[in-house]
Amino acid sequence: MRGYRERLTVPASYWVLGFITMVTFASFVWAGFSVAIAIAAYVILVGGPGVALFAWGNATIVVGDGELRAGRARLPLAQTGHVQALDAEATAKLRGPLADPAAFMLIRPYLRRAVYVEVAGEHPARPYWLVGTRNAEALASAIDASRPQARAGDASIA
């Protein structure tokens, strides 16, 4: 049973603007060269960023089976502490000036909100996870609802 699933797809505007820009660059490269060079320029300059955007938007967030999966990383829900849905301002602070270099972050520039997940335990390798999402409240509540035991009295960080 899965409590939450989200794929962090790249917005359509990134695809459109990237396509227009790369087609323009490939046309500049083609100017004065053979058709073979033109084909290579279009394949490399249009196809390469297309593959990169697809891979970048392929990250998924899944809460279920007793763990939180963000991209390839996994965190057992039994090891989670305080969970909080952050607004855009708090997310920007934790991404930038207040960020801990040891924290795990799955963030994208097109996602303004995130969920803060404290990693509980004796000596965690990562003090917290910051997971960008389109629906922060739903992700935070799915994590809270899927934990083996409820933790009461969490303090706010924002």
Protein backbone atom coordinates (compact mmCIF):
# COMPACT_ATOMS: atom_id res chain seq x y z
CA MET A 1 0.00 0.00 0.00
CA ARG A 2 1.35 3.41 -0.94
CA GLY A 3 0.40 6.53 0.98
CA TYR A 4 1.84 9.08 -1.43
CA ARG A 5 3.47 9.17 -4.85
CA GLU A 6 4.67 12.15 -6.85
CA ARG A 7 6.86 12.48 -9.91
CA LEU A 8 8.81 15.75 -10.06
CA THR A 9 8.27 16.33 -13.77
CA VAL A 10 9.83 19.34 -15.45
CA PRO A 11 7.31 22.07 -16.38
CA ALA A 12 6.26 22.39 -20.02
CA SER A 13 7.80 25.87 -20.21
CA TYR A 14 11.27 24.36 -19.64
CA TRP A 15 10.69 22.00 -22.57
CA VAL A 16 9.37 24.70 -24.92
CA LEU A 17 12.02 27.30 -24.13
CA GLY A 18 14.78 24.71 -24.17
CA PHE A 19 13.62 23.35 -27.52
CA ILE A 20 13.43 26.81 -29.11
CA THR A 21 16.84 27.80 -27.76
CA MET A 22 18.59 24.60 -28.81
CA VAL A 23 17.03 24.59 -32.30
CA THR A 24 18.29 28.15 -32.74
CA PHE A 25 21.80 27.17 -31.60
CA ALA A 26 21.80 24.11 -33.87
CA SER A 27 20.76 26.32 -36.80
CA PHE A 28 23.71 28.63 -36.10
CA VAL A 29 26.07 25.64 -36.06
CA TRP A 30 24.63 24.38 -39.35
CA ALA A 31 25.25 27.66 -41.19
CA GLY A 32 27.87 27.04 -43.85
CA PHE A 33 28.37 23.32 -43.16
CA SER A 34 27.14 20.12 -44.75
CA VAL A 35 23.86 18.35 -44.05
CA ALA A 36 25.70 15.67 -42.04
CA ILE A 37 26.99 18.33 -39.64
CA ALA A 38 23.51 19.84 -39.46
CA ILE A 39 21.98 16.49 -38.50
CA ALA A 40 24.69 15.91 -35.88
CA ALA A 41 24.18 19.45 -34.49
CA TYR A 42 20.43 18.95 -34.16
CA VAL A 43 20.77 15.51 -32.58
CA ILE A 44 23.36 16.67 -30.06
CA LEU A 45 22.07 20.17 -29.28
CA VAL A 46 18.36 19.30 -29.22
CA GLY A 47 18.45 15.66 -28.14
CA GLY A 48 21.06 16.06 -25.39
CA PRO A 49 19.18 18.66 -23.34
CA GLY A 50 15.94 16.76 -23.98
CA VAL A 51 17.43 13.64 -22.42
CA ALA A 52 18.78 15.74 -19.52
CA LEU A 53 15.36 17.32 -18.86
CA PHE A 54 13.70 13.92 -18.98
CA ALA A 55 16.22 12.47 -16.50
CA TRP A 56 15.95 15.51 -14.24
CA GLY A 57 12.14 15.23 -14.13
CA ASN A 58 12.21 11.49 -13.55
CA ALA A 59 12.74 11.76 -9.77
CA THR A 60 9.87 10.40 -7.71
CA ILE A 61 8.79 10.75 -4.11
CA VAL A 62 7.06 7.74 -2.59
CA VAL A 63 5.79 7.20 0.94
CA GLY A 64 4.90 3.59 1.56
CA ASP A 65 6.14 0.20 2.63
CA GLY A 66 7.54 1.75 5.80
CA GLU A 67 9.91 4.16 4.08
CA LEU A 68 10.24 7.51 2.36
CA ARG A 69 11.86 7.28 -1.06
CA ALA A 70 13.08 10.51 -2.62
CA GLY A 71 14.81 9.82 -5.91
CA ARG A 72 17.20 6.94 -5.22
CA ALA A 73 17.54 7.70 -1.49
CA ARG A 74 15.54 5.78 1.11
CA LEU A 75 14.71 6.68 4.69
CA PRO A 76 12.87 4.24 6.97
CA LEU A 77 9.88 6.02 8.48
CA ALA A 78 10.83 4.63 11.89
CA GLN A 79 13.87 6.95 11.75
CA THR A 80 11.89 10.11 11.06
CA GLY A 81 11.37 12.77 13.68
CA HIS A 82 9.60 16.06 13.19
CA VAL A 83 7.92 16.51 9.79
CA GLN A 84 6.77 19.92 8.59
CA ALA A 85 5.34 21.30 5.36
CA LEU A 86 7.25 24.51 4.59
CA ASP A 87 6.05 27.60 2.79
CA ALA A 88 8.08 29.21 0.00
CA GLU A 89 9.99 31.53 2.35
CA ALA A 90 11.04 28.80 4.80
CA THR A 91 11.99 26.53 1.89
CA ALA A 92 14.21 29.23 0.40
CA LYS A 93 15.96 29.72 3.76
CA LEU A 94 16.62 26.00 4.22
CA ARG A 95 17.87 25.70 0.64
CA GLY A 96 20.24 28.61 1.07
CA PRO A 97 21.52 30.51 4.10
CA LEU A 98 20.26 28.09 6.78
CA ALA A 99 21.13 24.90 4.89
CA ASP A 100 23.17 22.23 6.61
CA PRO A 101 25.78 20.82 4.19
CA ALA A 102 25.20 17.33 5.57
CA ALA A 103 21.45 17.40 4.87
CA PHE A 104 19.87 15.39 2.07
CA MET A 105 18.02 17.59 -0.40
CA LEU A 106 15.90 16.60 -3.35
CA ILE A 107 14.93 20.03 -4.62
CA ARG A 108 14.15 21.57 -7.98
CA PRO A 109 14.12 25.28 -8.85
CA TYR A 110 10.56 25.05 -10.17
CA LEU A 111 9.24 23.73 -6.83
CA ARG A 112 8.80 26.58 -4.36
CA ARG A 113 7.65 24.45 -1.42
CA ALA A 114 9.21 21.55 0.40
CA VAL A 115 8.81 19.22 3.35
CA TYR A 116 11.32 19.19 6.21
CA VAL A 117 11.90 15.69 7.64
CA GLU A 118 14.08 15.42 10.73
CA VAL A 119 16.19 12.27 10.90
CA ALA A 120 15.98 10.85 14.41
CA GLY A 121 18.53 8.60 15.97
CA GLU A 122 21.76 8.53 17.94
CA HIS A 123 24.16 9.89 15.29
CA PRO A 124 22.38 10.30 11.97
CA ALA A 125 24.55 10.74 8.88
CA ARG A 126 22.04 13.27 7.59
CA PRO A 127 20.44 15.64 10.15
CA TYR A 128 17.37 16.22 7.98
CA TRP A 129 15.86 15.74 4.56
CA LEU A 130 14.46 18.61 2.52
CA VAL A 131 12.17 17.25 -0.18
CA GLY A 132 10.74 19.60 -2.80
CA THR A 133 7.14 18.91 -3.74
CA ARG A 134 4.09 20.39 -5.43
CA ASN A 135 1.84 19.43 -2.50
CA ALA A 136 3.73 19.87 0.76
CA GLU A 137 0.76 19.32 3.09
CA ALA A 138 -0.20 16.02 1.45
CA LEU A 139 3.38 14.72 1.59
CA ALA A 140 3.83 15.74 5.24
CA SER A 141 0.54 14.18 6.28
CA ALA A 142 1.36 10.97 4.36
CA ILE A 143 4.66 10.70 6.22
CA ASP A 144 2.96 11.32 9.56
CA ALA A 145 0.19 8.83 8.82
CA SER A 146 2.58 6.13 7.61
CA ARG A 147 4.97 6.19 10.55
CA PRO A 148 4.92 3.15 12.80
CA GLN A 149 4.35 5.29 15.87
CA ALA A 150 3.00 8.82 16.23
CA ARG A 151 5.30 11.45 17.65
CA ALA A 152 3.51 14.18 19.55
CA GLY A 153 4.79 17.59 20.57
CA ASP A 154 6.93 18.42 17.52
CA ALA A 155 8.13 22.04 17.52
CA SER A 156 7.92 24.29 14.49
CA ILE A 157 11.13 25.38 12.72
CA ALA A 158 9.76 28.14 10.51
